[in-house]
């Protein structure tokens, strides 16, 4: 058992959505959430650097509504390739999760883990290119 500190357990679930790989990554970092988020940022920066200004502007909009990704298949494909989003209308788990904007779950797509949405929002708001 990984024994996450109870003081951060709800935060862990909201950031990871219960994603086992992410939880193990946090455990390996001794539950230092800030350190883990900084690492996520470092991993996402190259993805953003490769996007055109137009795609970055579209990405800002879909942070609020993930299903807007259906309006730009190029951006959708890049996000899927980077494993930042996932289609949820044919999930492998055998069910379709309910739409939940707070958790980044749309009708057709969702963020792989919520922290990706939060990190992208932060990085895009700091991006002046």
C-alpha atoms as a PDB file:
ATOM      1  CA  UNK A   1       0.000   0.000   0.000  1.00  0.00           C
ATOM      2  CA  UNK A   2       1.310   3.445  -0.899  1.00  0.00           C
ATOM      3  CA  UNK A   3      -0.162   5.202   2.151  1.00  0.00           C
ATOM      4  CA  UNK A   4      -0.684   8.721   0.868  1.00  0.00           C
ATOM      5  CA  UNK A   5      -0.874  11.325   3.611  1.00  0.00           C
ATOM      6  CA  UNK A   6      -4.517  11.873   4.510  1.00  0.00           C
ATOM      7  CA  UNK A   7      -3.955  15.630   4.463  1.00  0.00           C
ATOM      8  CA  UNK A   8      -3.483  15.552   0.672  1.00  0.00           C
ATOM      9  CA  UNK A   9      -5.584  12.554  -0.362  1.00  0.00           C
ATOM     10  CA  UNK A  10      -8.489  14.564  -1.815  1.00  0.00           C
ATOM     11  CA  UNK A  11      -6.042  16.824  -3.667  1.00  0.00           C
ATOM     12  CA  UNK A  12      -4.296  13.760  -5.077  1.00  0.00           C
ATOM     13  CA  UNK A  13      -7.541  12.390  -6.423  1.00  0.00           C
ATOM     14  CA  UNK A  14      -8.584  15.701  -7.973  1.00  0.00           C
ATOM     15  CA  UNK A  15      -5.214  16.151  -9.710  1.00  0.00           C
ATOM     16  CA  UNK A  16      -4.829  12.569 -10.908  1.00  0.00           C
ATOM     17  CA  UNK A  17      -8.412  11.332 -11.182  1.00  0.00           C
ATOM     18  CA  UNK A  18      -7.125   8.209  -9.474  1.00  0.00           C
ATOM     19  CA  UNK A  19      -4.712   7.466 -12.344  1.00  0.00           C
ATOM     20  CA  UNK A  20      -2.459   4.724 -10.927  1.00  0.00           C
ATOM     21  CA  UNK A  21       0.660   5.777 -12.845  1.00  0.00           C
ATOM     22  CA  UNK A  22       0.352   9.345 -11.563  1.00  0.00           C
ATOM     23  CA  UNK A  23      -0.205   8.201  -8.010  1.00  0.00           C
ATOM     24  CA  UNK A  24       2.905   6.017  -8.170  1.00  0.00           C
ATOM     25  CA  UNK A  25       4.871   8.986  -9.550  1.00  0.00           C
ATOM     26  CA  UNK A  26       3.731  11.057  -6.571  1.00  0.00           C
ATOM     27  CA  UNK A  27       4.644   8.264  -4.172  1.00  0.00           C
ATOM     28  CA  UNK A  28       8.141   8.142  -5.702  1.00  0.00           C
ATOM     29  CA  UNK A  29       8.406  11.848  -5.005  1.00  0.00           C
ATOM     30  CA  UNK A  30       7.420  11.309  -1.361  1.00  0.00           C
ATOM     31  CA  UNK A  31       4.011  12.903  -2.026  1.00  0.00           C
ATOM     32  CA  UNK A  32       5.577  16.270  -2.917  1.00  0.00           C
ATOM     33  CA  UNK A  33       2.751  17.513  -5.117  1.00  0.00           C
ATOM     34  CA  UNK A  34       4.467  20.771  -6.055  1.00  0.00           C
ATOM     35  CA  UNK A  35       7.577  18.921  -7.253  1.00  0.00           C
ATOM     36  CA  UNK A  36       5.427  16.544  -9.307  1.00  0.00           C
ATOM     37  CA  UNK A  37       3.492  19.424 -10.897  1.00  0.00           C
ATOM     38  CA  UNK A  38       6.765  21.157 -11.807  1.00  0.00           C
ATOM     39  CA  UNK A  39       7.885  17.965 -13.539  1.00  0.00           C
ATOM     40  CA  UNK A  40       4.586  17.783 -15.428  1.00  0.00           C
ATOM     41  CA  UNK A  41       5.149  21.382 -16.545  1.00  0.00           C
ATOM     42  CA  UNK A  42       8.632  20.523 -17.831  1.00  0.00           C
ATOM     43  CA  UNK A  43       7.176  17.610 -19.797  1.00  0.00           C
ATOM     44  CA  UNK A  44       4.372  19.701 -21.329  1.00  0.00           C
ATOM     45  CA  UNK A  45       6.476  22.736 -22.325  1.00  0.00           C
ATOM     46  CA  UNK A  46       7.948  21.085 -25.455  1.00  0.00           C
ATOM     47  CA  UNK A  47       4.425  20.196 -26.587  1.00  0.00           C
ATOM     48  CA  UNK A  48       3.377  23.847 -26.350  1.00  0.00           C
ATOM     49  CA  UNK A  49       6.545  25.083 -28.030  1.00  0.00           C
ATOM     50  CA  UNK A  50       5.673  23.000 -31.085  1.00  0.00           C
ATOM     51  CA  UNK A  51       2.178  24.480 -31.430  1.00  0.00           C
ATOM     52  CA  UNK A  52       1.415  27.381 -33.733  1.00  0.00           C
ATOM     53  CA  UNK A  53      -0.070  30.565 -32.285  1.00  0.00           C
ATOM     54  CA  UNK A  54      -3.421  29.596 -33.839  1.00  0.00           C
ATOM     55  CA  UNK A  55      -3.457  26.183 -32.160  1.00  0.00           C
ATOM     56  CA  UNK A  56      -2.453  27.737 -28.836  1.00  0.00           C
ATOM     57  CA  UNK A  57      -5.427  30.103 -29.096  1.00  0.00           C
ATOM     58  CA  UNK A  58      -7.725  27.159 -29.789  1.00  0.00           C
ATOM     59  CA  UNK A  59      -6.192  25.263 -26.879  1.00  0.00           C
ATOM     60  CA  UNK A  60      -7.035  28.150 -24.528  1.00  0.00           C
ATOM     61  CA  UNK A  61     -10.694  27.787 -25.510  1.00  0.00           C
ATOM     62  CA  UNK A  62     -10.828  24.034 -25.131  1.00  0.00           C
ATOM     63  CA  UNK A  63      -9.382  24.209 -21.626  1.00  0.00           C
ATOM     64  CA  UNK A  64     -12.851  25.411 -20.644  1.00  0.00           C
ATOM     65  CA  UNK A  65     -14.707  22.915 -22.852  1.00  0.00           C
ATOM     66  CA  UNK A  66     -12.705  19.848 -23.824  1.00  0.00           C
ATOM     67  CA  UNK A  67     -15.233  18.807 -26.469  1.00  0.00           C
ATOM     68  CA  UNK A  68     -14.303  21.883 -28.534  1.00  0.00           C
ATOM     69  CA  UNK A  69     -11.382  19.717 -29.631  1.00  0.00           C
ATOM     70  CA  UNK A  70     -13.806  18.228 -32.170  1.00  0.00           C
ATOM     71  CA  UNK A  71     -13.678  21.567 -34.017  1.00  0.00           C
ATOM     72  CA  UNK A  72      -9.964  21.194 -34.737  1.00  0.00           C
ATOM     73  CA  UNK A  73      -8.818  17.710 -35.637  1.00  0.00           C
ATOM     74  CA  UNK A  74      -5.181  18.768 -35.973  1.00  0.00           C
ATOM     75  CA  UNK A  75      -5.138  19.943 -32.372  1.00  0.00           C
ATOM     76  CA  UNK A  76      -7.089  16.862 -31.294  1.00  0.00           C
ATOM     77  CA  UNK A  77      -4.558  14.576 -32.936  1.00  0.00           C
ATOM     78  CA  UNK A  78      -1.631  16.406 -31.329  1.00  0.00           C
ATOM     79  CA  UNK A  79      -3.251  16.212 -27.883  1.00  0.00           C
ATOM     80  CA  UNK A  80      -4.023  12.519 -28.346  1.00  0.00           C
ATOM     81  CA  UNK A  81      -0.477  11.816 -29.550  1.00  0.00           C
ATOM     82  CA  UNK A  82       0.922  13.623 -26.499  1.00  0.00           C
ATOM     83  CA  UNK A  83      -1.446  11.555 -24.333  1.00  0.00           C
ATOM     84  CA  UNK A  84      -2.937  14.684 -22.777  1.00  0.00           C
ATOM     85  CA  UNK A  85      -6.536  13.837 -23.654  1.00  0.00           C
ATOM     86  CA  UNK A  86      -8.513  10.683 -24.265  1.00  0.00           C
ATOM     87  CA  UNK A  87     -11.761   9.870 -26.060  1.00  0.00           C
ATOM     88  CA  UNK A  88     -14.398   8.762 -23.587  1.00  0.00           C
ATOM     89  CA  UNK A  89     -17.357   7.883 -25.775  1.00  0.00           C
ATOM     90  CA  UNK A  90     -15.811   4.406 -26.282  1.00  0.00           C
ATOM     91  CA  UNK A  91     -13.921   3.852 -23.046  1.00  0.00           C
ATOM     92  CA  UNK A  92     -12.008   0.692 -22.344  1.00  0.00           C
ATOM     93  CA  UNK A  93     -13.364   0.612 -18.802  1.00  0.00           C
ATOM     94  CA  UNK A  94     -16.800  -0.391 -20.016  1.00  0.00           C
ATOM     95  CA  UNK A  95     -18.600   2.780 -19.029  1.00  0.00           C
ATOM     96  CA  UNK A  96     -18.743   6.423 -20.031  1.00  0.00           C
ATOM     97  CA  UNK A  97     -18.071   8.873 -17.196  1.00  0.00           C
ATOM     98  CA  UNK A  98     -20.514  11.675 -16.586  1.00  0.00           C
ATOM     99  CA  UNK A  99     -19.699  15.124 -17.934  1.00  0.00           C
ATOM    100  CA  UNK A 100     -17.836  17.068 -15.263  1.00  0.00           C
ATOM    101  CA  UNK A 101     -16.297  20.391 -16.287  1.00  0.00           C
ATOM    102  CA  UNK A 102     -14.457  20.711 -12.983  1.00  0.00           C
ATOM    103  CA  UNK A 103     -12.641  17.416 -13.625  1.00  0.00           C
ATOM    104  CA  UNK A 104     -12.149  18.151 -17.334  1.00  0.00           C
ATOM    105  CA  UNK A 105     -14.555  15.487 -18.561  1.00  0.00           C
ATOM    106  CA  UNK A 106     -16.639  16.321 -21.600  1.00  0.00           C
ATOM    107  CA  UNK A 107     -19.204  14.322 -23.498  1.00  0.00           C
ATOM    108  CA  UNK A 108     -16.681  12.924 -25.984  1.00  0.00           C
ATOM    109  CA  UNK A 109     -13.209  13.710 -24.588  1.00  0.00           C
ATOM    110  CA  UNK A 110     -11.504  14.172 -21.246  1.00  0.00           C
ATOM    111  CA  UNK A 111      -8.110  15.239 -19.977  1.00  0.00           C
ATOM    112  CA  UNK A 112      -6.027  12.171 -19.132  1.00  0.00           C
ATOM    113  CA  UNK A 113      -5.473  13.709 -15.698  1.00  0.00           C
ATOM    114  CA  UNK A 114      -6.762  17.050 -14.457  1.00  0.00           C
ATOM    115  CA  UNK A 115      -3.295  18.382 -13.735  1.00  0.00           C
ATOM    116  CA  UNK A 116      -2.639  18.488 -17.509  1.00  0.00           C
ATOM    117  CA  UNK A 117      -5.504  20.934 -17.944  1.00  0.00           C
ATOM    118  CA  UNK A 118      -4.279  23.039 -15.015  1.00  0.00           C
ATOM    119  CA  UNK A 119      -0.665  23.081 -16.196  1.00  0.00           C
ATOM    120  CA  UNK A 120      -1.657  23.986 -19.757  1.00  0.00           C
ATOM    121  CA  UNK A 121      -3.838  26.800 -18.447  1.00  0.00           C
ATOM    122  CA  UNK A 122      -0.918  28.166 -16.407  1.00  0.00           C
ATOM    123  CA  UNK A 123       1.632  27.830 -19.192  1.00  0.00           C
ATOM    124  CA  UNK A 124      -0.658  29.396 -21.792  1.00  0.00           C
ATOM    125  CA  UNK A 125      -1.459  32.330 -19.544  1.00  0.00           C
ATOM    126  CA  UNK A 126       2.307  32.924 -19.174  1.00  0.00           C
ATOM    127  CA  UNK A 127       2.949  32.468 -22.913  1.00  0.00           C
ATOM    128  CA  UNK A 128       3.474  35.749 -24.716  1.00  0.00           C
ATOM    129  CA  UNK A 129       4.842  34.365 -28.012  1.00  0.00           C
END
